[in-house]
Amino acid sequence: MGIGIALLIEYRRKGKFIGLGLGGAISINLIGGFVLFFWLVSGNLNIPAHGKIILWILDIILVGISSLELIAYISKKQP
């Protein structure tokens, strides 16, 4: 899903984002993080509790860093 969104951004290319550049990487990471989040919330995972904890920590880090990258990328002025 994230790669599809990145390719759609590249196809439209009306804003600041370039789909397969940094904007694409950010969209892939955010979509992947949200998919993992919904999988952890709604899925019946057959993994041990410590595996779920590790996945939650990784998801929080992934979405957090990607959100900060998105904020920095949007707030950066184009020359």
PDB file of N, CA and C in Angstrom:
ATOM      1  N   MET A   1       0.824  -1.193   0.000  1.00  0.00           N
ATOM      2  CA  MET A   1       0.000   0.000   0.000  1.00  0.00           C
ATOM      3  C   MET A   1       0.865   1.252   0.000  1.00  0.00           C
ATOM      4  N   GLY A   2       1.916   1.245   0.790  1.00  0.00           N
ATOM      5  CA  GLY A   2       2.786   2.417   0.874  1.00  0.00           C
ATOM      6  C   GLY A   2       3.488   2.707  -0.434  1.00  0.00           C
ATOM      7  N   ILE A   3       3.939   1.670  -1.117  1.00  0.00           N
ATOM      8  CA  ILE A   3       4.601   1.861  -2.408  1.00  0.00           C
ATOM      9  C   ILE A   3       3.594   2.378  -3.424  1.00  0.00           C
ATOM     10  N   GLY A   4       2.361   1.897  -3.369  1.00  0.00           N
ATOM     11  CA  GLY A   4       1.321   2.391  -4.266  1.00  0.00           C
ATOM     12  C   GLY A   4       1.046   3.869  -4.046  1.00  0.00           C
ATOM     13  N   ILE A   5       0.988   4.291  -2.782  1.00  0.00           N
ATOM     14  CA  ILE A   5       0.788   5.711  -2.465  1.00  0.00           C
ATOM     15  C   ILE A   5       1.975   6.525  -2.979  1.00  0.00           C
ATOM     16  N   ALA A   6       3.197   6.023  -2.796  1.00  0.00           N
ATOM     17  CA  ALA A   6       4.383   6.735  -3.276  1.00  0.00           C
ATOM     18  C   ALA A   6       4.350   6.886  -4.800  1.00  0.00           C
ATOM     19  N   LEU A   7       3.934   5.848  -5.491  1.00  0.00           N
ATOM     20  CA  LEU A   7       3.846   5.935  -6.944  1.00  0.00           C
ATOM     21  C   LEU A   7       2.741   6.894  -7.374  1.00  0.00           C
ATOM     22  N   LEU A   8       1.646   6.953  -6.625  1.00  0.00           N
ATOM     23  CA  LEU A   8       0.587   7.903  -6.928  1.00  0.00           C
ATOM     24  C   LEU A   8       1.071   9.337  -6.738  1.00  0.00           C
ATOM     25  N   ILE A   9       1.839   9.576  -5.675  1.00  0.00           N
ATOM     26  CA  ILE A   9       2.409  10.906  -5.442  1.00  0.00           C
ATOM     27  C   ILE A   9       3.329  11.275  -6.602  1.00  0.00           C
ATOM     28  N   GLU A  10       4.152  10.356  -7.042  1.00  0.00           N
ATOM     29  CA  GLU A  10       5.064  10.609  -8.155  1.00  0.00           C
ATOM     30  C   GLU A  10       4.279  10.911  -9.427  1.00  0.00           C
ATOM     31  N   TYR A  11       3.182  10.206  -9.635  1.00  0.00           N
ATOM     32  CA  TYR A  11       2.385  10.393 -10.839  1.00  0.00           C
ATOM     33  C   TYR A  11       1.742  11.781 -10.869  1.00  0.00           C
ATOM     34  N   ARG A  12       1.224  12.195  -9.742  1.00  0.00           N
ATOM     35  CA  ARG A  12       0.535  13.493  -9.690  1.00  0.00           C
ATOM     36  C   ARG A  12       1.507  14.653  -9.612  1.00  0.00           C
ATOM     37  N   ARG A  13       2.485  14.579  -8.756  1.00  0.00           N
ATOM     38  CA  ARG A  13       3.608  15.502  -8.601  1.00  0.00           C
ATOM     39  C   ARG A  13       3.223  16.972  -8.658  1.00  0.00           C
ATOM     40  N   LYS A  14       2.138  17.339  -7.990  1.00  0.00           N
ATOM     41  CA  LYS A  14       1.697  18.724  -7.976  1.00  0.00           C
ATOM     42  C   LYS A  14       2.229  19.491  -6.765  1.00  0.00           C
ATOM     43  N   GLY A  15       2.561  18.804  -5.708  1.00  0.00           N
ATOM     44  CA  GLY A  15       3.003  19.460  -4.487  1.00  0.00           C
ATOM     45  C   GLY A  15       4.513  19.417  -4.348  1.00  0.00           C
ATOM     46  N   LYS A  16       4.960  19.505  -3.108  1.00  0.00           N
ATOM     47  CA  LYS A  16       6.390  19.469  -2.813  1.00  0.00           C
ATOM     48  C   LYS A  16       6.959  18.064  -2.909  1.00  0.00           C
ATOM     49  N   PHE A  17       6.125  17.043  -2.675  1.00  0.00           N
ATOM     50  CA  PHE A  17       6.620  15.677  -2.587  1.00  0.00           C
ATOM     51  C   PHE A  17       7.016  15.136  -3.954  1.00  0.00           C
ATOM     52  N   ILE A  18       8.055  14.363  -3.961  1.00  0.00           N
ATOM     53  CA  ILE A  18       8.409  13.552  -5.113  1.00  0.00           C
ATOM     54  C   ILE A  18       8.214  12.123  -4.642  1.00  0.00           C
ATOM     55  N   GLY A  19       7.311  11.404  -5.284  1.00  0.00           N
ATOM     56  CA  GLY A  19       6.835  10.126  -4.781  1.00  0.00           C
ATOM     57  C   GLY A  19       7.905   9.127  -4.424  1.00  0.00           C
ATOM     58  N   LEU A  20       8.922   8.983  -5.224  1.00  0.00           N
ATOM     59  CA  LEU A  20       9.919   7.962  -4.936  1.00  0.00           C
ATOM     60  C   LEU A  20      11.165   8.551  -4.285  1.00  0.00           C
ATOM     61  N   GLY A  21      11.112   9.810  -3.910  1.00  0.00           N
ATOM     62  CA  GLY A  21      12.193  10.436  -3.164  1.00  0.00           C
ATOM     63  C   GLY A  21      11.886  10.369  -1.687  1.00  0.00           C
ATOM     64  N   LEU A  22      12.215  11.427  -0.966  1.00  0.00           N
ATOM     65  CA  LEU A  22      11.974  11.456   0.475  1.00  0.00           C
ATOM     66  C   LEU A  22      10.485  11.394   0.790  1.00  0.00           C
ATOM     67  N   GLY A  23       9.671  12.075   0.000  1.00  0.00           N
ATOM     68  CA  GLY A  23       8.220  12.017   0.207  1.00  0.00           C
ATOM     69  C   GLY A  23       7.689  10.608   0.080  1.00  0.00           C
ATOM     70  N   GLY A  24       8.208   9.872  -0.885  1.00  0.00           N
ATOM     71  CA  GLY A  24       7.789   8.483  -1.062  1.00  0.00           C
ATOM     72  C   GLY A  24       8.216   7.607   0.093  1.00  0.00           C
ATOM     73  N   ALA A  25       9.431   7.826   0.568  1.00  0.00           N
ATOM     74  CA  ALA A  25       9.926   7.046   1.705  1.00  0.00           C
ATOM     75  C   ALA A  25       9.088   7.317   2.952  1.00  0.00           C
ATOM     76  N   ILE A  26       8.738   8.576   3.154  1.00  0.00           N
ATOM     77  CA  ILE A  26       7.911   8.932   4.306  1.00  0.00           C
ATOM     78  C   ILE A  26       6.542   8.275   4.192  1.00  0.00           C
ATOM     79  N   SER A  27       5.942   8.329   2.989  1.00  0.00           N
ATOM     80  CA  SER A  27       4.606   7.725   2.836  1.00  0.00           C
ATOM     81  C   SER A  27       4.653   6.213   3.016  1.00  0.00           C
ATOM     82  N   ILE A  28       5.684   5.564   2.512  1.00  0.00           N
ATOM     83  CA  ILE A  28       5.812   4.114   2.688  1.00  0.00           C
ATOM     84  C   ILE A  28       5.944   3.766   4.169  1.00  0.00           C
ATOM     85  N   ASN A  29       6.765   4.512   4.891  1.00  0.00           N
ATOM     86  CA  ASN A  29       6.949   4.241   6.316  1.00  0.00           C
ATOM     87  C   ASN A  29       5.672   4.502   7.117  1.00  0.00           C
ATOM     88  N   LEU A  30       4.978   5.600   6.819  1.00  0.00           N
ATOM     89  CA  LEU A  30       3.758   5.904   7.557  1.00  0.00           C
ATOM     90  C   LEU A  30       2.658   4.883   7.277  1.00  0.00           C
ATOM     91  N   ILE A  31       2.460   4.537   6.011  1.00  0.00           N
ATOM     92  CA  ILE A  31       1.434   3.552   5.684  1.00  0.00           C
ATOM     93  C   ILE A  31       1.781   2.201   6.316  1.00  0.00           C
ATOM     94  N   GLY A  32       3.047   1.805   6.241  1.00  0.00           N
ATOM     95  CA  GLY A  32       3.472   0.550   6.872  1.00  0.00           C
ATOM     96  C   GLY A  32       3.263   0.571   8.367  1.00  0.00           C
ATOM     97  N   GLY A  33       3.552   1.702   9.003  1.00  0.00           N
ATOM     98  CA  GLY A  33       3.344   1.829  10.441  1.00  0.00           C
ATOM     99  C   GLY A  33       1.879   1.752  10.820  1.00  0.00           C
ATOM    100  N   PHE A  34       1.014   2.390  10.017  1.00  0.00           N
ATOM    101  CA  PHE A  34      -0.416   2.339  10.307  1.00  0.00           C
ATOM    102  C   PHE A  34      -0.992   0.947  10.054  1.00  0.00           C
ATOM    103  N   VAL A  35      -0.513   0.267   9.028  1.00  0.00           N
ATOM    104  CA  VAL A  35      -0.972  -1.101   8.777  1.00  0.00           C
ATOM    105  C   VAL A  35      -0.554  -2.006   9.930  1.00  0.00           C
ATOM    106  N   LEU A  36       0.689  -1.869  10.397  1.00  0.00           N
ATOM    107  CA  LEU A  36       1.139  -2.657  11.536  1.00  0.00           C
ATOM    108  C   LEU A  36       0.316  -2.335  12.780  1.00  0.00           C
ATOM    109  N   PHE A  37       0.004  -1.050  12.986  1.00  0.00           N
ATOM    110  CA  PHE A  37      -0.817  -0.644  14.127  1.00  0.00           C
ATOM    111  C   PHE A  37      -2.182  -1.332  14.087  1.00  0.00           C
ATOM    112  N   PHE A  38      -2.865  -1.256  12.945  1.00  0.00           N
ATOM    113  CA  PHE A  38      -4.194  -1.871  12.851  1.00  0.00           C
ATOM    114  C   PHE A  38      -4.119  -3.393  12.941  1.00  0.00           C
ATOM    115  N   TRP A  39      -3.030  -3.963  12.461  1.00  0.00           N
ATOM    116  CA  TRP A  39      -2.837  -5.410  12.570  1.00  0.00           C
ATOM    117  C   TRP A  39      -2.684  -5.812  14.036  1.00  0.00           C
ATOM    118  N   LEU A  40      -1.912  -5.010  14.781  1.00  0.00           N
ATOM    119  CA  LEU A  40      -1.712  -5.309  16.195  1.00  0.00           C
ATOM    120  C   LEU A  40      -2.995  -5.104  16.993  1.00  0.00           C
ATOM    121  N   VAL A  41      -3.778  -4.097  16.643  1.00  0.00           N
ATOM    122  CA  VAL A  41      -5.005  -3.807  17.380  1.00  0.00           C
ATOM    123  C   VAL A  41      -6.099  -4.819  17.060  1.00  0.00           C
ATOM    124  N   SER A  42      -6.293  -5.144  15.787  1.00  0.00           N
ATOM    125  CA  SER A  42      -7.433  -5.974  15.419  1.00  0.00           C
ATOM    126  C   SER A  42      -7.097  -7.431  15.121  1.00  0.00           C
ATOM    127  N   GLY A  43      -5.828  -7.720  14.917  1.00  0.00           N
ATOM    128  CA  GLY A  43      -5.472  -9.088  14.546  1.00  0.00           C
ATOM    129  C   GLY A  43      -5.331 -10.022  15.725  1.00  0.00           C
ATOM    130  N   ASN A  44      -5.621 -11.282  15.465  1.00  0.00           N
ATOM    131  CA  ASN A  44      -5.416 -12.310  16.472  1.00  0.00           C
ATOM    132  C   ASN A  44      -4.052 -12.942  16.181  1.00  0.00           C
ATOM    133  N   LEU A  45      -3.013 -12.299  16.696  1.00  0.00           N
ATOM    134  CA  LEU A  45      -1.649 -12.735  16.398  1.00  0.00           C
ATOM    135  C   LEU A  45      -1.282 -13.941  17.250  1.00  0.00           C
ATOM    136  N   ASN A  46      -0.692 -14.904  16.632  1.00  0.00           N
ATOM    137  CA  ASN A  46      -0.280 -16.115  17.333  1.00  0.00           C
ATOM    138  C   ASN A  46       1.220 -16.028  17.639  1.00  0.00           C
ATOM    139  N   ILE A  47       1.576 -14.963  18.382  1.00  0.00           N
ATOM    140  CA  ILE A  47       2.969 -14.773  18.785  1.00  0.00           C
ATOM    141  C   ILE A  47       2.998 -14.528  20.295  1.00  0.00           C
ATOM    142  N   PRO A  48       4.154 -14.769  20.922  1.00  0.00           N
ATOM    143  CA  PRO A  48       4.256 -14.548  22.370  1.00  0.00           C
ATOM    144  C   PRO A  48       4.088 -13.069  22.729  1.00  0.00           C
ATOM    145  N   ALA A  49       3.821 -12.831  23.981  1.00  0.00           N
ATOM    146  CA  ALA A  49       3.594 -11.467  24.472  1.00  0.00           C
ATOM    147  C   ALA A  49       4.805 -10.577  24.232  1.00  0.00           C
ATOM    148  N   HIS A  50       6.019 -11.106  24.425  1.00  0.00           N
ATOM    149  CA  HIS A  50       7.196 -10.258  24.224  1.00  0.00           C
ATOM    150  C   HIS A  50       7.359  -9.903  22.744  1.00  0.00           C
ATOM    151  N   GLY A  51       6.877 -10.734  21.848  1.00  0.00           N
ATOM    152  CA  GLY A  51       6.893 -10.405  20.426  1.00  0.00           C
ATOM    153  C   GLY A  51       5.953  -9.262  20.117  1.00  0.00           C
ATOM    154  N   LYS A  52       4.773  -9.274  20.741  1.00  0.00           N
ATOM    155  CA  LYS A  52       3.825  -8.173  20.565  1.00  0.00           C
ATOM    156  C   LYS A  52       4.389  -6.876  21.119  1.00  0.00           C
ATOM    157  N   ILE A  53       5.055  -6.954  22.256  1.00  0.00           N
ATOM    158  CA  ILE A  53       5.655  -5.755  22.852  1.00  0.00           C
ATOM    159  C   ILE A  53       6.718  -5.175  21.931  1.00  0.00           C
ATOM    160  N   ILE A  54       7.562  -6.021  21.370  1.00  0.00           N
ATOM    161  CA  ILE A  54       8.600  -5.555  20.455  1.00  0.00           C
ATOM    162  C   ILE A  54       7.972  -4.913  19.221  1.00  0.00           C
ATOM    163  N   LEU A  55       6.913  -5.529  18.676  1.00  0.00           N
ATOM    164  CA  LEU A  55       6.243  -4.949  17.514  1.00  0.00           C
ATOM    165  C   LEU A  55       5.609  -3.607  17.844  1.00  0.00           C
ATOM    166  N   TRP A  56       5.017  -3.467  19.033  1.00  0.00           N
ATOM    167  CA  TRP A  56       4.447  -2.184  19.436  1.00  0.00           C
ATOM    168  C   TRP A  56       5.536  -1.118  19.538  1.00  0.00           C
ATOM    169  N   ILE A  57       6.660  -1.468  20.132  1.00  0.00           N
ATOM    170  CA  ILE A  57       7.767  -0.504  20.268  1.00  0.00           C
ATOM    171  C   ILE A  57       8.273  -0.089  18.889  1.00  0.00           C
ATOM    172  N   LEU A  58       8.465  -1.048  17.997  1.00  0.00           N
ATOM    173  CA  LEU A  58       8.918  -0.733  16.641  1.00  0.00           C
ATOM    174  C   LEU A  58       7.909   0.129  15.894  1.00  0.00           C
ATOM    175  N   ASP A  59       6.632  -0.146  16.083  1.00  0.00           N
ATOM    176  CA  ASP A  59       5.600   0.634  15.406  1.00  0.00           C
ATOM    177  C   ASP A  59       5.584   2.078  15.913  1.00  0.00           C
ATOM    178  N   ILE A  60       5.681   2.257  17.202  1.00  0.00           N
ATOM    179  CA  ILE A  60       5.690   3.606  17.769  1.00  0.00           C
ATOM    180  C   ILE A  60       6.907   4.384  17.278  1.00  0.00           C
ATOM    181  N   ILE A  61       8.062   3.743  17.237  1.00  0.00           N
ATOM    182  CA  ILE A  61       9.275   4.398  16.743  1.00  0.00           C
ATOM    183  C   ILE A  61       9.128   4.750  15.261  1.00  0.00           C
ATOM    184  N   LEU A  62       8.624   3.807  14.465  1.00  0.00           N
ATOM    185  CA  LEU A  62       8.477   4.028  13.026  1.00  0.00           C
ATOM    186  C   LEU A  62       7.529   5.177  12.728  1.00  0.00           C
ATOM    187  N   VAL A  63       6.359   5.176  13.330  1.00  0.00           N
ATOM    188  CA  VAL A  63       5.388   6.238  13.079  1.00  0.00           C
ATOM    189  C   VAL A  63       5.895   7.569  13.644  1.00  0.00           C
ATOM    190  N   GLY A  64       6.548   7.535  14.795  1.00  0.00           N
ATOM    191  CA  GLY A  64       7.082   8.763  15.386  1.00  0.00           C
ATOM    192  C   GLY A  64       8.149   9.411  14.533  1.00  0.00           C
ATOM    193  N   ILE A  65       9.112   8.640  14.105  1.00  0.00           N
ATOM    194  CA  ILE A  65      10.195   9.187  13.280  1.00  0.00           C
ATOM    195  C   ILE A  65       9.658   9.651  11.929  1.00  0.00           C
ATOM    196  N   SER A  66       8.770   8.884  11.332  1.00  0.00           N
ATOM    197  CA  SER A  66       8.206   9.258  10.040  1.00  0.00           C
ATOM    198  C   SER A  66       7.368  10.528  10.154  1.00  0.00           C
ATOM    199  N   SER A  67       6.646  10.679  11.253  1.00  0.00           N
ATOM    200  CA  SER A  67       5.865  11.900  11.460  1.00  0.00           C
ATOM    201  C   SER A  67       6.768  13.112  11.614  1.00  0.00           C
ATOM    202  N   LEU A  68       7.861  12.958  12.345  1.00  0.00           N
ATOM    203  CA  LEU A  68       8.820  14.059  12.475  1.00  0.00           C
ATOM    204  C   LEU A  68       9.458  14.399  11.132  1.00  0.00           C
ATOM    205  N   GLU A  69       9.783  13.381  10.328  1.00  0.00           N
ATOM    206  CA  GLU A  69      10.324  13.628   8.994  1.00  0.00           C
ATOM    207  C   GLU A  69       9.314  14.381   8.132  1.00  0.00           C
ATOM    208  N   LEU A  70       8.060  14.005   8.212  1.00  0.00           N
ATOM    209  CA  LEU A  70       7.015  14.665   7.430  1.00  0.00           C
ATOM    210  C   LEU A  70       6.869  16.125   7.846  1.00  0.00           C
ATOM    211  N   ILE A  71       6.857  16.391   9.141  1.00  0.00           N
ATOM    212  CA  ILE A  71       6.748  17.769   9.629  1.00  0.00           C
ATOM    213  C   ILE A  71       7.946  18.585   9.183  1.00  0.00           C
ATOM    214  N   ALA A  72       9.150  18.034   9.298  1.00  0.00           N
ATOM    215  CA  ALA A  72      10.354  18.751   8.879  1.00  0.00           C
ATOM    216  C   ALA A  72      10.359  18.986   7.369  1.00  0.00           C
ATOM    217  N   TYR A  73       9.902  18.004   6.613  1.00  0.00           N
ATOM    218  CA  TYR A  73       9.889  18.117   5.152  1.00  0.00           C
ATOM    219  C   TYR A  73       8.884  19.163   4.684  1.00  0.00           C
ATOM    220  N   ILE A  74       7.709  19.211   5.312  1.00  0.00           N
ATOM    221  CA  ILE A  74       6.694  20.178   4.923  1.00  0.00           C
ATOM    222  C   ILE A  74       7.095  21.586   5.335  1.00  0.00           C
ATOM    223  N   SER A  75       7.690  21.737   6.516  1.00  0.00           N
ATOM    224  CA  SER A  75       8.049  23.067   7.009  1.00  0.00           C
ATOM    225  C   SER A  75       9.293  23.646   6.344  1.00  0.00           C
ATOM    226  N   LYS A  76      10.058  22.803   5.668  1.00  0.00           N
ATOM    227  CA  LYS A  76      11.267  23.273   4.996  1.00  0.00           C
ATOM    228  C   LYS A  76      10.864  24.109   3.775  1.00  0.00           C
ATOM    229  N   LYS A  77      11.435  25.287   3.682  1.00  0.00           N
ATOM    230  CA  LYS A  77      11.114  26.186   2.575  1.00  0.00           C
ATOM    231  C   LYS A  77      11.903  25.779   1.336  1.00  0.00           C
ATOM    232  N   GLN A  78      11.224  25.841   0.195  1.00  0.00           N
ATOM    233  CA  GLN A  78      11.887  25.571  -1.082  1.00  0.00           C
ATOM    234  C   GLN A  78      12.621  26.846  -1.522  1.00  0.00           C
ATOM    235  N   PRO A  79      13.868  26.727  -2.047  1.00  0.00           N
ATOM    236  CA  PRO A  79      14.599  27.935  -2.476  1.00  0.00           C
ATOM    237  C   PRO A  79      13.998  28.541  -3.739  1.00  0.00           C
TER     238      PRO A  79
END
